[in-house]
Amino acid sequence: MRLTLSRPPRQRNLLSTEPDTRSPSEGQSRNERKILDLLGLATRAGALTTGTDRVRSAVRDGKVRAVIIAADSSPTQQAKLKPLLQATGTRHHLLFTREQLGAAMGRPPVSAVGISDLNFARRVAQLAATLPSLQDQQGESI
């Protein structure tokens, strides 16, 4: 008797220029999924700061190019960040839930994420601009 092993399905090359044919998760647009995927990549690249207090400190030090604030974060957390972000001219977006942000980075729920890499920040801004329900606050241009 001959034993055959089945091969795992072939995975798509992440650097490929072919269109992404994967269907987005339930209730998420393709660009929302792309932003979350970018956050995961930026985490592995060491280009993110997480948590309200750490993001505030990084913004004050001039290390953050853009910030994503969870839409369901408490008004107190938002009040700590928004005036500082507006005063420093840092672009910020009110997107996703705390659970979605945390899951994208392989962490527990997170209220705020600071992006320190200019290229990641630009791409997130481009994708966020296409979202219909975006509450985007433009600081100085990225």
Protein backbone atom coordinates (compact mmCIF):
# COMPACT_ATOMS: atom_id res chain seq x y z
CA MET A 1 0.00 0.00 0.00
CA ARG A 2 1.33 3.40 -0.98
CA LEU A 3 1.02 6.29 1.45
CA THR A 4 0.68 9.77 -0.06
CA LEU A 5 0.96 13.00 1.77
CA SER A 6 -1.12 15.96 0.81
CA ARG A 7 0.58 19.31 0.35
CA PRO A 8 -0.55 22.38 2.23
CA PRO A 9 -2.23 25.00 0.04
CA ARG A 10 0.19 27.32 -1.68
CA GLN A 11 0.46 30.68 0.03
CA ARG A 12 0.44 33.93 -1.87
CA ASN A 13 3.70 35.86 -2.00
CA LEU A 14 3.30 38.99 0.15
CA LEU A 15 5.45 41.03 -2.22
CA SER A 16 3.46 40.01 -5.28
CA THR A 17 1.71 42.61 -7.41
CA GLU A 18 -1.25 40.30 -7.99
CA PRO A 19 -4.51 41.61 -6.57
CA ASP A 20 -5.51 40.33 -3.16
CA THR A 21 -8.41 37.92 -3.68
CA ARG A 22 -8.92 37.07 -0.01
CA SER A 23 -12.30 38.10 1.29
CA PRO A 24 -12.21 40.60 4.14
CA SER A 25 -13.27 39.53 7.61
CA GLU A 26 -16.91 39.89 8.54
CA GLY A 27 -17.81 43.59 8.78
CA GLN A 28 -14.39 44.86 7.68
CA SER A 29 -13.46 46.54 4.46
CA ARG A 30 -10.36 45.51 2.57
CA ASN A 31 -8.56 48.73 3.55
CA GLU A 32 -9.38 48.25 7.23
CA ARG A 33 -7.84 44.79 6.99
CA LYS A 34 -4.78 46.27 5.24
CA ILE A 35 -4.31 48.82 8.03
CA LEU A 36 -4.49 46.10 10.68
CA ASP A 37 -2.02 43.99 8.69
CA LEU A 38 0.33 46.99 8.45
CA LEU A 39 0.15 47.43 12.21
CA GLY A 40 1.19 43.81 12.65
CA LEU A 41 4.12 44.32 10.29
CA ALA A 42 5.11 47.57 12.02
CA THR A 43 5.03 45.76 15.36
CA ARG A 44 7.50 43.18 14.10
CA ALA A 45 9.65 46.00 12.69
CA GLY A 46 9.69 47.78 16.06
CA ALA A 47 8.00 50.87 14.64
CA LEU A 48 5.08 51.10 17.09
CA THR A 49 4.50 52.49 20.56
CA THR A 50 1.45 51.19 22.40
CA GLY A 51 -0.58 52.54 25.30
CA THR A 52 -1.78 56.05 26.01
CA ASP A 53 1.01 57.07 28.39
CA ARG A 54 3.83 55.68 26.24
CA VAL A 55 2.34 57.29 23.12
CA ARG A 56 2.07 60.65 24.91
CA SER A 57 5.70 60.42 25.98
CA ALA A 58 6.83 59.49 22.45
CA VAL A 59 4.80 62.37 20.93
CA ARG A 60 6.42 64.82 23.36
CA ASP A 61 9.85 63.48 22.36
CA GLY A 62 8.99 63.90 18.67
CA LYS A 63 9.35 60.17 17.89
CA VAL A 64 5.82 59.54 16.60
CA ARG A 65 4.64 60.37 13.05
CA ALA A 66 0.99 59.30 13.42
CA VAL A 67 -1.33 57.94 16.10
CA ILE A 68 -4.33 55.63 15.93
CA ILE A 69 -6.76 56.01 18.82
CA ALA A 70 -9.29 53.24 19.41
CA ALA A 71 -12.82 54.46 18.70
CA ASP A 72 -14.09 52.77 21.87
CA SER A 73 -11.36 54.12 24.16
CA SER A 74 -12.56 56.09 27.14
CA PRO A 75 -13.13 59.83 26.82
CA THR A 76 -10.46 60.33 29.50
CA GLN A 77 -7.84 58.55 27.39
CA GLN A 78 -8.87 60.55 24.32
CA ALA A 79 -8.74 63.80 26.31
CA LYS A 80 -5.16 62.99 27.33
CA LEU A 81 -4.05 62.53 23.73
CA LYS A 82 -6.03 64.80 21.43
CA PRO A 83 -4.87 68.21 22.76
CA LEU A 84 -1.24 67.08 22.68
CA LEU A 85 -1.59 65.70 19.16
CA GLN A 86 -3.23 68.89 17.93
CA ALA A 87 -0.62 71.07 19.62
CA THR A 88 2.26 69.13 18.06
CA GLY A 89 0.57 68.81 14.65
CA THR A 90 0.69 65.01 14.74
CA ARG A 91 -1.76 63.26 12.41
CA HIS A 92 -4.21 61.05 14.28
CA HIS A 93 -7.09 58.76 13.39
CA LEU A 94 -9.98 57.47 15.46
CA LEU A 95 -10.28 53.90 14.16
CA PHE A 96 -11.09 50.34 15.22
CA THR A 97 -11.85 48.95 18.65
CA ARG A 98 -9.35 48.37 21.42
CA GLU A 99 -9.62 44.62 20.82
CA GLN A 100 -8.97 44.96 17.07
CA LEU A 101 -5.90 47.13 17.63
CA GLY A 102 -4.50 44.75 20.24
CA ALA A 103 -5.20 41.66 18.14
CA ALA A 104 -3.43 43.19 15.12
CA MET A 105 -0.28 43.48 17.19
CA GLY A 106 -0.65 40.23 19.12
CA ARG A 107 -1.32 42.05 22.38
CA PRO A 108 -4.18 42.60 24.81
CA PRO A 109 -6.62 45.46 24.02
CA VAL A 110 -4.85 48.78 23.35
CA SER A 111 -6.30 52.31 23.46
CA ALA A 112 -3.64 54.10 21.40
CA VAL A 113 -0.89 53.19 18.96
CA GLY A 114 1.91 55.52 17.90
CA ILE A 115 3.62 54.90 14.54
CA SER A 116 7.23 56.06 14.49
CA ASP A 117 8.22 55.03 10.96
CA LEU A 118 7.42 57.65 8.30
CA ASN A 119 6.61 55.13 5.56
CA PHE A 120 4.23 53.11 7.74
CA ALA A 121 2.55 56.35 8.86
CA ARG A 122 2.11 57.53 5.26
CA ARG A 123 0.59 54.24 4.12
CA VAL A 124 -1.80 54.11 7.08
CA ALA A 125 -2.87 57.69 6.30
CA GLN A 126 -3.47 56.79 2.64
CA LEU A 127 -5.57 53.77 3.53
CA ALA A 128 -7.44 55.58 6.31
CA ALA A 129 -8.39 58.38 3.92
CA THR A 130 -10.38 55.87 1.85
CA LEU A 131 -12.51 54.69 4.77
CA PRO A 132 -16.03 56.13 4.69
CA SER A 133 -16.52 56.34 8.45
CA LEU A 134 -13.11 57.81 9.13
CA GLN A 135 -12.81 60.49 11.74
CA ASP A 136 -9.44 61.79 10.61
CA GLN A 137 -7.64 64.70 12.16
CA GLN A 138 -4.93 66.17 9.98
CA GLY A 139 -1.93 67.63 11.70
CA GLU A 140 0.97 68.67 9.54
CA SER A 141 1.21 66.61 6.40
CA ILE A 142 3.05 63.31 6.60
